[in-house]
PDB file of N, CA and C in Angstrom:
ATOM      1  N   MET A   1       3.530 -17.333 -61.601  1.00  0.00           N
ATOM      2  CA  MET A   1       4.298 -16.298 -60.943  1.00  0.00           C
ATOM      3  C   MET A   1       5.379 -15.785 -61.888  1.00  0.00           C
ATOM      4  N   ALA A   2       5.565 -14.485 -61.887  1.00  0.00           N
ATOM      5  CA  ALA A   2       6.665 -13.906 -62.646  1.00  0.00           C
ATOM      6  C   ALA A   2       7.979 -14.316 -61.974  1.00  0.00           C
ATOM      7  N   ASP A   3       9.043 -14.399 -62.765  1.00  0.00           N
ATOM      8  CA  ASP A   3      10.335 -14.779 -62.194  1.00  0.00           C
ATOM      9  C   ASP A   3      10.782 -13.825 -61.096  1.00  0.00           C
ATOM     10  N   ASP A   4      10.394 -12.544 -61.205  1.00  0.00           N
ATOM     11  CA  ASP A   4      10.778 -11.568 -60.180  1.00  0.00           C
ATOM     12  C   ASP A   4       9.654 -11.305 -59.177  1.00  0.00           C
ATOM     13  N   CYS A   5       8.709 -12.245 -59.062  1.00  0.00           N
ATOM     14  CA  CYS A   5       7.614 -12.112 -58.101  1.00  0.00           C
ATOM     15  C   CYS A   5       8.199 -12.012 -56.692  1.00  0.00           C
ATOM     16  N   GLY A   6       7.632 -11.127 -55.899  1.00  0.00           N
ATOM     17  CA  GLY A   6       8.097 -10.958 -54.531  1.00  0.00           C
ATOM     18  C   GLY A   6       6.948 -10.676 -53.602  1.00  0.00           C
ATOM     19  N   GLY A   7       7.240 -10.750 -52.338  1.00  0.00           N
ATOM     20  CA  GLY A   7       6.211 -10.483 -51.351  1.00  0.00           C
ATOM     21  C   GLY A   7       6.791 -10.540 -49.964  1.00  0.00           C
ATOM     22  N   THR A   8       5.901 -10.758 -49.011  1.00  0.00           N
ATOM     23  CA  THR A   8       6.287 -10.815 -47.615  1.00  0.00           C
ATOM     24  C   THR A   8       5.754 -12.103 -47.015  1.00  0.00           C
ATOM     25  N   ASN A   9       6.628 -12.833 -46.326  1.00  0.00           N
ATOM     26  CA  ASN A   9       6.225 -14.052 -45.637  1.00  0.00           C
ATOM     27  C   ASN A   9       5.394 -13.727 -44.403  1.00  0.00           C
ATOM     28  N   TYR A  10       4.797 -14.758 -43.807  1.00  0.00           N
ATOM     29  CA  TYR A  10       3.945 -14.580 -42.628  1.00  0.00           C
ATOM     30  C   TYR A  10       4.704 -13.921 -41.472  1.00  0.00           C
ATOM     31  N   ASP A  11       6.029 -14.088 -41.429  1.00  0.00           N
ATOM     32  CA  ASP A  11       6.828 -13.538 -40.333  1.00  0.00           C
ATOM     33  C   ASP A  11       7.488 -12.206 -40.677  1.00  0.00           C
ATOM     34  N   GLY A  12       7.119 -11.622 -41.829  1.00  0.00           N
ATOM     35  CA  GLY A  12       7.643 -10.323 -42.221  1.00  0.00           C
ATOM     36  C   GLY A  12       8.908 -10.367 -43.059  1.00  0.00           C
ATOM     37  N   THR A  13       9.456 -11.555 -43.288  1.00  0.00           N
ATOM     38  CA  THR A  13      10.654 -11.657 -44.102  1.00  0.00           C
ATOM     39  C   THR A  13      10.296 -11.598 -45.583  1.00  0.00           C
ATOM     40  N   LYS A  14      11.296 -11.271 -46.405  1.00  0.00           N
ATOM     41  CA  LYS A  14      11.090 -11.145 -47.845  1.00  0.00           C
ATOM     42  C   LYS A  14      10.884 -12.519 -48.474  1.00  0.00           C
ATOM     43  N   ALA A  15       9.951 -12.592 -49.403  1.00  0.00           N
ATOM     44  CA  ALA A  15       9.686 -13.824 -50.148  1.00  0.00           C
ATOM     45  C   ALA A  15       9.960 -13.577 -51.626  1.00  0.00           C
ATOM     46  N   THR A  16      10.477 -14.591 -52.291  1.00  0.00           N
ATOM     47  CA  THR A  16      10.682 -14.548 -53.735  1.00  0.00           C
ATOM     48  C   THR A  16      10.042 -15.792 -54.334  1.00  0.00           C
ATOM     49  N   LYS A  17       9.898 -15.804 -55.632  1.00  0.00           N
ATOM     50  CA  LYS A  17       9.387 -17.000 -56.301  1.00  0.00           C
ATOM     51  C   LYS A  17      10.272 -18.195 -55.961  1.00  0.00           C
ATOM     52  N   GLN A  18      11.579 -17.984 -56.016  1.00  0.00           N
ATOM     53  CA  GLN A  18      12.524 -19.068 -55.757  1.00  0.00           C
ATOM     54  C   GLN A  18      12.413 -19.588 -54.322  1.00  0.00           C
ATOM     55  N   SER A  19      12.290 -18.690 -53.343  1.00  0.00           N
ATOM     56  CA  SER A  19      12.185 -19.140 -51.944  1.00  0.00           C
ATOM     57  C   SER A  19      10.855 -19.842 -51.692  1.00  0.00           C
ATOM     58  N   PHE A  20       9.779 -19.338 -52.309  1.00  0.00           N
ATOM     59  CA  PHE A  20       8.467 -19.976 -52.160  1.00  0.00           C
ATOM     60  C   PHE A  20       8.503 -21.406 -52.699  1.00  0.00           C
ATOM     61  N   LEU A  21       9.006 -21.577 -53.917  1.00  0.00           N
ATOM     62  CA  LEU A  21       9.069 -22.912 -54.516  1.00  0.00           C
ATOM     63  C   LEU A  21       9.986 -23.838 -53.726  1.00  0.00           C
ATOM     64  N   ALA A  22      11.109 -23.326 -53.244  1.00  0.00           N
ATOM     65  CA  ALA A  22      12.034 -24.145 -52.451  1.00  0.00           C
ATOM     66  C   ALA A  22      11.371 -24.611 -51.157  1.00  0.00           C
ATOM     67  N   ASP A  23      10.610 -23.733 -50.496  1.00  0.00           N
ATOM     68  CA  ASP A  23       9.937 -24.105 -49.245  1.00  0.00           C
ATOM     69  C   ASP A  23       8.881 -25.180 -49.468  1.00  0.00           C
ATOM     70  N   VAL A  24       8.150 -25.090 -50.580  1.00  0.00           N
ATOM     71  CA  VAL A  24       7.131 -26.096 -50.890  1.00  0.00           C
ATOM     72  C   VAL A  24       7.795 -27.423 -51.238  1.00  0.00           C
ATOM     73  N   LYS A  25       8.817 -27.391 -52.091  1.00  0.00           N
ATOM     74  CA  LYS A  25       9.499 -28.625 -52.506  1.00  0.00           C
ATOM     75  C   LYS A  25      10.163 -29.348 -51.337  1.00  0.00           C
ATOM     76  N   SER A  26      10.718 -28.590 -50.393  1.00  0.00           N
ATOM     77  CA  SER A  26      11.429 -29.188 -49.258  1.00  0.00           C
ATOM     78  C   SER A  26      10.479 -29.685 -48.165  1.00  0.00           C
ATOM     79  N   GLY A  27       9.222 -29.264 -48.223  1.00  0.00           N
ATOM     80  CA  GLY A  27       8.269 -29.634 -47.173  1.00  0.00           C
ATOM     81  C   GLY A  27       8.265 -28.649 -46.018  1.00  0.00           C
ATOM     82  N   LYS A  28       9.078 -27.601 -46.108  1.00  0.00           N
ATOM     83  CA  LYS A  28       9.131 -26.563 -45.073  1.00  0.00           C
ATOM     84  C   LYS A  28       7.777 -25.858 -44.950  1.00  0.00           C
ATOM     85  N   SER A  29       7.103 -25.705 -46.089  1.00  0.00           N
ATOM     86  CA  SER A  29       5.783 -25.086 -46.142  1.00  0.00           C
ATOM     87  C   SER A  29       4.776 -26.141 -46.589  1.00  0.00           C
ATOM     88  N   LYS A  30       3.761 -26.390 -45.748  1.00  0.00           N
ATOM     89  CA  LYS A  30       2.761 -27.414 -46.060  1.00  0.00           C
ATOM     90  C   LYS A  30       1.360 -26.840 -45.877  1.00  0.00           C
ATOM     91  N   VAL A  31       0.505 -27.113 -46.846  1.00  0.00           N
ATOM     92  CA  VAL A  31      -0.899 -26.704 -46.761  1.00  0.00           C
ATOM     93  C   VAL A  31      -1.735 -27.968 -46.893  1.00  0.00           C
ATOM     94  N   GLU A  32      -2.520 -28.251 -45.874  1.00  0.00           N
ATOM     95  CA  GLU A  32      -3.392 -29.430 -45.880  1.00  0.00           C
ATOM     96  C   GLU A  32      -4.723 -29.130 -46.563  1.00  0.00           C
ATOM     97  N   SER A  33      -5.263 -27.930 -46.307  1.00  0.00           N
ATOM     98  CA  SER A  33      -6.542 -27.571 -46.922  1.00  0.00           C
ATOM     99  C   SER A  33      -6.671 -26.054 -46.971  1.00  0.00           C
ATOM    100  N   VAL A  34      -7.432 -25.586 -47.970  1.00  0.00           N
ATOM    101  CA  VAL A  34      -7.713 -24.155 -48.127  1.00  0.00           C
ATOM    102  C   VAL A  34      -9.166 -24.002 -48.547  1.00  0.00           C
ATOM    103  N   GLU A  35      -9.878 -23.142 -47.848  1.00  0.00           N
ATOM    104  CA  GLU A  35     -11.241 -22.776 -48.239  1.00  0.00           C
ATOM    105  C   GLU A  35     -11.220 -21.287 -48.552  1.00  0.00           C
ATOM    106  N   CYS A  36     -11.384 -20.958 -49.828  1.00  0.00           N
ATOM    107  CA  CYS A  36     -11.318 -19.561 -50.260  1.00  0.00           C
ATOM    108  C   CYS A  36     -12.587 -18.812 -49.882  1.00  0.00           C
ATOM    109  N   GLY A  37     -12.407 -17.578 -49.451  1.00  0.00           N
ATOM    110  CA  GLY A  37     -13.518 -16.685 -49.159  1.00  0.00           C
ATOM    111  C   GLY A  37     -13.776 -15.798 -50.355  1.00  0.00           C
ATOM    112  N   PRO A  38     -14.568 -14.744 -50.155  1.00  0.00           N
ATOM    113  CA  PRO A  38     -14.863 -13.842 -51.263  1.00  0.00           C
ATOM    114  C   PRO A  38     -13.598 -13.128 -51.742  1.00  0.00           C
ATOM    115  N   MET A  39     -13.578 -12.819 -53.036  1.00  0.00           N
ATOM    116  CA  MET A  39     -12.466 -12.089 -53.627  1.00  0.00           C
ATOM    117  C   MET A  39     -13.004 -10.869 -54.359  1.00  0.00           C
ATOM    118  N   ASP A  40     -12.201  -9.807 -54.348  1.00  0.00           N
ATOM    119  CA  ASP A  40     -12.536  -8.585 -55.061  1.00  0.00           C
ATOM    120  C   ASP A  40     -11.403  -8.325 -56.044  1.00  0.00           C
ATOM    121  N   VAL A  41     -11.748  -8.157 -57.324  1.00  0.00           N
ATOM    122  CA  VAL A  41     -10.751  -7.960 -58.375  1.00  0.00           C
ATOM    123  C   VAL A  41     -10.937  -6.579 -58.987  1.00  0.00           C
ATOM    124  N   LYS A  42      -9.838  -5.830 -59.080  1.00  0.00           N
ATOM    125  CA  LYS A  42      -9.839  -4.519 -59.725  1.00  0.00           C
ATOM    126  C   LYS A  42      -8.835  -4.577 -60.866  1.00  0.00           C
ATOM    127  N   VAL A  43      -9.333  -4.445 -62.113  1.00  0.00           N
ATOM    128  CA  VAL A  43      -8.474  -4.487 -63.296  1.00  0.00           C
ATOM    129  C   VAL A  43      -8.308  -3.069 -63.817  1.00  0.00           C
ATOM    130  N   MET A  44      -7.051  -2.683 -64.038  1.00  0.00           N
ATOM    131  CA  MET A  44      -6.722  -1.359 -64.558  1.00  0.00           C
ATOM    132  C   MET A  44      -5.750  -1.564 -65.711  1.00  0.00           C
ATOM    133  N   GLY A  45      -6.285  -1.723 -66.911  1.00  0.00           N
ATOM    134  CA  GLY A  45      -5.437  -1.985 -68.074  1.00  0.00           C
ATOM    135  C   GLY A  45      -4.768  -3.340 -67.949  1.00  0.00           C
ATOM    136  N   GLY A  46      -3.453  -3.348 -67.949  1.00  0.00           N
ATOM    137  CA  GLY A  46      -2.704  -4.593 -67.849  1.00  0.00           C
ATOM    138  C   GLY A  46      -2.302  -4.965 -66.443  1.00  0.00           C
ATOM    139  N   VAL A  47      -2.948  -4.350 -65.434  1.00  0.00           N
ATOM    140  CA  VAL A  47      -2.658  -4.644 -64.027  1.00  0.00           C
ATOM    141  C   VAL A  47      -3.955  -5.037 -63.329  1.00  0.00           C
ATOM    142  N   ALA A  48      -3.890  -6.055 -62.491  1.00  0.00           N
ATOM    143  CA  ALA A  48      -5.052  -6.471 -61.700  1.00  0.00           C
ATOM    144  C   ALA A  48      -4.635  -6.636 -60.247  1.00  0.00           C
ATOM    145  N   VAL A  49      -5.464  -6.137 -59.348  1.00  0.00           N
ATOM    146  CA  VAL A  49      -5.245  -6.289 -57.914  1.00  0.00           C
ATOM    147  C   VAL A  49      -6.380  -7.150 -57.382  1.00  0.00           C
ATOM    148  N   VAL A  50      -6.010  -8.211 -56.672  1.00  0.00           N
ATOM    149  CA  VAL A  50      -7.005  -9.135 -56.128  1.00  0.00           C
ATOM    150  C   VAL A  50      -6.878  -9.142 -54.610  1.00  0.00           C
ATOM    151  N   GLN A  51      -7.981  -8.835 -53.918  1.00  0.00           N
ATOM    152  CA  GLN A  51      -8.022  -8.907 -52.463  1.00  0.00           C
ATOM    153  C   GLN A  51      -8.962 -10.040 -52.094  1.00  0.00           C
ATOM    154  N   GLY A  52      -8.585 -10.813 -51.088  1.00  0.00           N
ATOM    155  CA  GLY A  52      -9.438 -11.901 -50.676  1.00  0.00           C
ATOM    156  C   GLY A  52      -9.053 -12.444 -49.322  1.00  0.00           C
ATOM    157  N   SER A  53      -9.668 -13.553 -48.986  1.00  0.00           N
ATOM    158  CA  SER A  53      -9.368 -14.213 -47.716  1.00  0.00           C
ATOM    159  C   SER A  53      -9.514 -15.719 -47.912  1.00  0.00           C
ATOM    160  N   ASP A  54      -8.919 -16.442 -46.998  1.00  0.00           N
ATOM    161  CA  ASP A  54      -9.099 -17.890 -46.992  1.00  0.00           C
ATOM    162  C   ASP A  54      -8.954 -18.399 -45.571  1.00  0.00           C
ATOM    163  N   THR A  55      -9.465 -19.582 -45.361  1.00  0.00           N
ATOM    164  CA  THR A  55      -9.271 -20.288 -44.104  1.00  0.00           C
ATOM    165  C   THR A  55      -8.512 -21.551 -44.451  1.00  0.00           C
ATOM    166  N   GLU A  56      -7.388 -21.769 -43.770  1.00  0.00           N
ATOM    167  CA  GLU A  56      -6.524 -22.883 -44.159  1.00  0.00           C
ATOM    168  C   GLU A  56      -5.989 -23.649 -42.967  1.00  0.00           C
ATOM    169  N   GLU A  57      -5.579 -24.875 -43.262  1.00  0.00           N
ATOM    170  CA  GLU A  57      -4.802 -25.686 -42.333  1.00  0.00           C
ATOM    171  C   GLU A  57      -3.413 -25.750 -42.928  1.00  0.00           C
ATOM    172  N   SER A  58      -2.421 -25.175 -42.213  1.00  0.00           N
ATOM    173  CA  SER A  58      -1.083 -25.081 -42.782  1.00  0.00           C
ATOM    174  C   SER A  58      -0.016 -25.101 -41.698  1.00  0.00           C
ATOM    175  N   MET A  59       1.210 -25.406 -42.147  1.00  0.00           N
ATOM    176  CA  MET A  59       2.390 -25.402 -41.264  1.00  0.00           C
ATOM    177  C   MET A  59       3.538 -24.779 -42.041  1.00  0.00           C
ATOM    178  N   ILE A  60       4.334 -23.952 -41.367  1.00  0.00           N
ATOM    179  CA  ILE A  60       5.560 -23.406 -41.947  1.00  0.00           C
ATOM    180  C   ILE A  60       6.659 -23.548 -40.905  1.00  0.00           C
ATOM    181  N   ASN A  61       7.745 -24.190 -41.287  1.00  0.00           N
ATOM    182  CA  ASN A  61       8.858 -24.429 -40.363  1.00  0.00           C
ATOM    183  C   ASN A  61       8.406 -25.123 -39.081  1.00  0.00           C
ATOM    184  N   GLY A  62       7.440 -26.023 -39.197  1.00  0.00           N
ATOM    185  CA  GLY A  62       6.945 -26.742 -38.022  1.00  0.00           C
ATOM    186  C   GLY A  62       5.984 -25.941 -37.166  1.00  0.00           C
ATOM    187  N   LYS A  63       5.716 -24.687 -37.530  1.00  0.00           N
ATOM    188  CA  LYS A  63       4.790 -23.841 -36.771  1.00  0.00           C
ATOM    189  C   LYS A  63       3.412 -23.908 -37.414  1.00  0.00           C
ATOM    190  N   ASP A  64       2.400 -24.106 -36.578  1.00  0.00           N
ATOM    191  CA  ASP A  64       1.025 -24.147 -37.075  1.00  0.00           C
ATOM    192  C   ASP A  64       0.619 -22.741 -37.505  1.00  0.00           C
ATOM    193  N   THR A  65       0.316 -22.582 -38.768  1.00  0.00           N
ATOM    194  CA  THR A  65      -0.123 -21.295 -39.312  1.00  0.00           C
ATOM    195  C   THR A  65      -1.573 -21.377 -39.792  1.00  0.00           C
ATOM    196  N   SER A  66      -2.306 -22.335 -39.243  1.00  0.00           N
ATOM    197  CA  SER A  66      -3.708 -22.515 -39.614  1.00  0.00           C
ATOM    198  C   SER A  66      -4.535 -21.338 -39.119  1.00  0.00           C
ATOM    199  N   GLY A  67      -5.566 -21.028 -39.873  1.00  0.00           N
ATOM    200  CA  GLY A  67      -6.480 -19.970 -39.464  1.00  0.00           C
ATOM    201  C   GLY A  67      -7.007 -19.212 -40.657  1.00  0.00           C
ATOM    202  N   LYS A  68      -7.545 -18.038 -40.361  1.00  0.00           N
ATOM    203  CA  LYS A  68      -8.096 -17.191 -41.426  1.00  0.00           C
ATOM    204  C   LYS A  68      -7.032 -16.177 -41.835  1.00  0.00           C
ATOM    205  N   TRP A  69      -6.864 -16.036 -43.146  1.00  0.00           N
ATOM    206  CA  TRP A  69      -5.884 -15.131 -43.718  1.00  0.00           C
ATOM    207  C   TRP A  69      -6.566 -14.142 -44.650  1.00  0.00           C
ATOM    208  N   ALA A  70      -6.094 -12.906 -44.656  1.00  0.00           N
ATOM    209  CA  ALA A  70      -6.503 -11.898 -45.636  1.00  0.00           C
ATOM    210  C   ALA A  70      -5.282 -11.634 -46.503  1.00  0.00           C
ATOM    211  N   TRP A  71      -5.492 -11.445 -47.797  1.00  0.00           N
ATOM    212  CA  TRP A  71      -4.349 -11.302 -48.693  1.00  0.00           C
ATOM    213  C   TRP A  71      -4.663 -10.376 -49.855  1.00  0.00           C
ATOM    214  N   MET A  72      -3.588  -9.907 -50.499  1.00  0.00           N
ATOM    215  CA  MET A  72      -3.700  -9.092 -51.698  1.00  0.00           C
ATOM    216  C   MET A  72      -2.586  -9.515 -52.647  1.00  0.00           C
ATOM    217  N   ASP A  73      -2.957  -9.791 -53.888  1.00  0.00           N
ATOM    218  CA  ASP A  73      -2.005 -10.152 -54.925  1.00  0.00           C
ATOM    219  C   ASP A  73      -2.121  -9.163 -56.074  1.00  0.00           C
ATOM    220  N   VAL A  74      -0.985  -8.851 -56.694  1.00  0.00           N
ATOM    221  CA  VAL A  74      -0.949  -7.963 -57.847  1.00  0.00           C
ATOM    222  C   VAL A  74      -0.478  -8.779 -59.045  1.00  0.00           C
ATOM    223  N   PHE A  75      -1.224  -8.677 -60.148  1.00  0.00           N
ATOM    224  CA  PHE A  75      -0.923  -9.401 -61.378  1.00  0.00           C
ATOM    225  C   PHE A  75      -0.702  -8.414 -62.512  1.00  0.00           C
ATOM    226  N   VAL A  76       0.142  -8.805 -63.473  1.00  0.00           N
ATOM    227  CA  VAL A  76       0.289  -8.041 -64.716  1.00  0.00           C
ATOM    228  C   VAL A  76       0.049  -8.991 -65.875  1.00  0.00           C
ATOM    229  N   LYS A  77      -0.468  -8.441 -66.957  1.00  0.00           N
ATOM    230  CA  LYS A  77      -0.676  -9.253 -68.150  1.00  0.00           C
ATOM    231  C   LYS A  77       0.617  -9.244 -68.947  1.00  0.00           C
ATOM    232  N   SER A  78       1.163 -10.429 -69.167  1.00  0.00           N
ATOM    233  CA  SER A  78       2.443 -10.560 -69.858  1.00  0.00           C
ATOM    234  C   SER A  78       2.357 -11.747 -70.811  1.00  0.00           C
ATOM    235  N   GLY A  79       2.612 -11.496 -72.098  1.00  0.00           N
ATOM    236  CA  GLY A  79       2.552 -12.573 -73.083  1.00  0.00           C
ATOM    237  C   GLY A  79       1.189 -13.220 -73.169  1.00  0.00           C
ATOM    238  N   GLY A  80       0.129 -12.436 -72.924  1.00  0.00           N
ATOM    239  CA  GLY A  80      -1.231 -12.959 -73.004  1.00  0.00           C
ATOM    240  C   GLY A  80      -1.695 -13.709 -71.760  1.00  0.00           C
ATOM    241  N   LYS A  81      -0.852 -13.754 -70.706  1.00  0.00           N
ATOM    242  CA  LYS A  81      -1.218 -14.453 -69.462  1.00  0.00           C
ATOM    243  C   LYS A  81      -1.104 -13.496 -68.284  1.00  0.00           C
ATOM    244  N   TRP A  82      -1.937 -13.727 -67.287  1.00  0.00           N
ATOM    245  CA  TRP A  82      -1.826 -12.970 -66.042  1.00  0.00           C
ATOM    246  C   TRP A  82      -0.799 -13.668 -65.151  1.00  0.00           C
ATOM    247  N   VAL A  83       0.191 -12.895 -64.673  1.00  0.00           N
ATOM    248  CA  VAL A  83       1.208 -13.464 -63.785  1.00  0.00           C
ATOM    249  C   VAL A  83       1.297 -12.630 -62.509  1.00  0.00           C
ATOM    250  N   ALA A  84       1.486 -13.315 -61.392  1.00  0.00           N
ATOM    251  CA  ALA A  84       1.620 -12.632 -60.101  1.00  0.00           C
ATOM    252  C   ALA A  84       2.978 -11.958 -60.018  1.00  0.00           C
ATOM    253  N   VAL A  85       2.990 -10.688 -59.552  1.00  0.00           N
ATOM    254  CA  VAL A  85       4.249  -9.969 -59.392  1.00  0.00           C
ATOM    255  C   VAL A  85       4.494  -9.557 -57.930  1.00  0.00           C
ATOM    256  N   ARG A  86       3.428  -9.458 -57.133  1.00  0.00           N
ATOM    257  CA  ARG A  86       3.561  -9.129 -55.717  1.00  0.00           C
ATOM    258  C   ARG A  86       2.454  -9.817 -54.930  1.00  0.00           C
ATOM    259  N   SER A  87       2.781 -10.125 -53.669  1.00  0.00           N
ATOM    260  CA  SER A  87       1.809 -10.805 -52.815  1.00  0.00           C
ATOM    261  C   SER A  87       2.049 -10.425 -51.360  1.00  0.00           C
ATOM    262  N   ARG A  88       0.966 -10.271 -50.625  1.00  0.00           N
ATOM    263  CA  ARG A  88       1.057  -9.985 -49.196  1.00  0.00           C
ATOM    264  C   ARG A  88      -0.116 -10.635 -48.502  1.00  0.00           C
ATOM    265  N   ALA A  89       0.141 -11.303 -47.398  1.00  0.00           N
ATOM    266  CA  ALA A  89      -0.921 -11.953 -46.617  1.00  0.00           C
ATOM    267  C   ALA A  89      -0.694 -11.681 -45.136  1.00  0.00           C
ATOM    268  N   ALA A  90      -1.780 -11.668 -44.401  1.00  0.00           N
ATOM    269  CA  ALA A  90      -1.703 -11.491 -42.960  1.00  0.00           C
ATOM    270  C   ALA A  90      -2.787 -12.336 -42.300  1.00  0.00           C
ATOM    271  N   MET A  91      -2.448 -12.913 -41.159  1.00  0.00           N
ATOM    272  CA  MET A  91      -3.437 -13.702 -40.424  1.00  0.00           C
ATOM    273  C   MET A  91      -4.442 -12.753 -39.787  1.00  0.00           C
ATOM    274  N   VAL A  92      -5.708 -13.119 -39.872  1.00  0.00           N
ATOM    275  CA  VAL A  92      -6.780 -12.337 -39.279  1.00  0.00           C
ATOM    276  C   VAL A  92      -7.046 -12.909 -37.896  1.00  0.00           C
ATOM    277  N   LYS A  93      -7.054 -12.061 -36.918  1.00  0.00           N
ATOM    278  CA  LYS A  93      -7.278 -12.539 -35.539  1.00  0.00           C
ATOM    279  C   LYS A  93      -8.690 -12.328 -35.121  1.00  0.00           C
TER     280      LYS A  93
END
């Protein structure tokens, strides 16, 4: 993740790299299992957009967030590596 990586949490609040890492380290965000679905990647020069889905068993703030999720991540090539700069996910009902 880029240091300025940002996105939106499951509840619509702003997410940053720092908040994401803090939630994982504190145990606030827990993922028991993830099964990735198909992914579609579109590369345009030094930018890549990845759309996909997964089915997971997870908890955030004690709330069960298990289920199927659809997501999109944006990556840029920096220093010879692909790094995430934006992310958005939504639960599929």
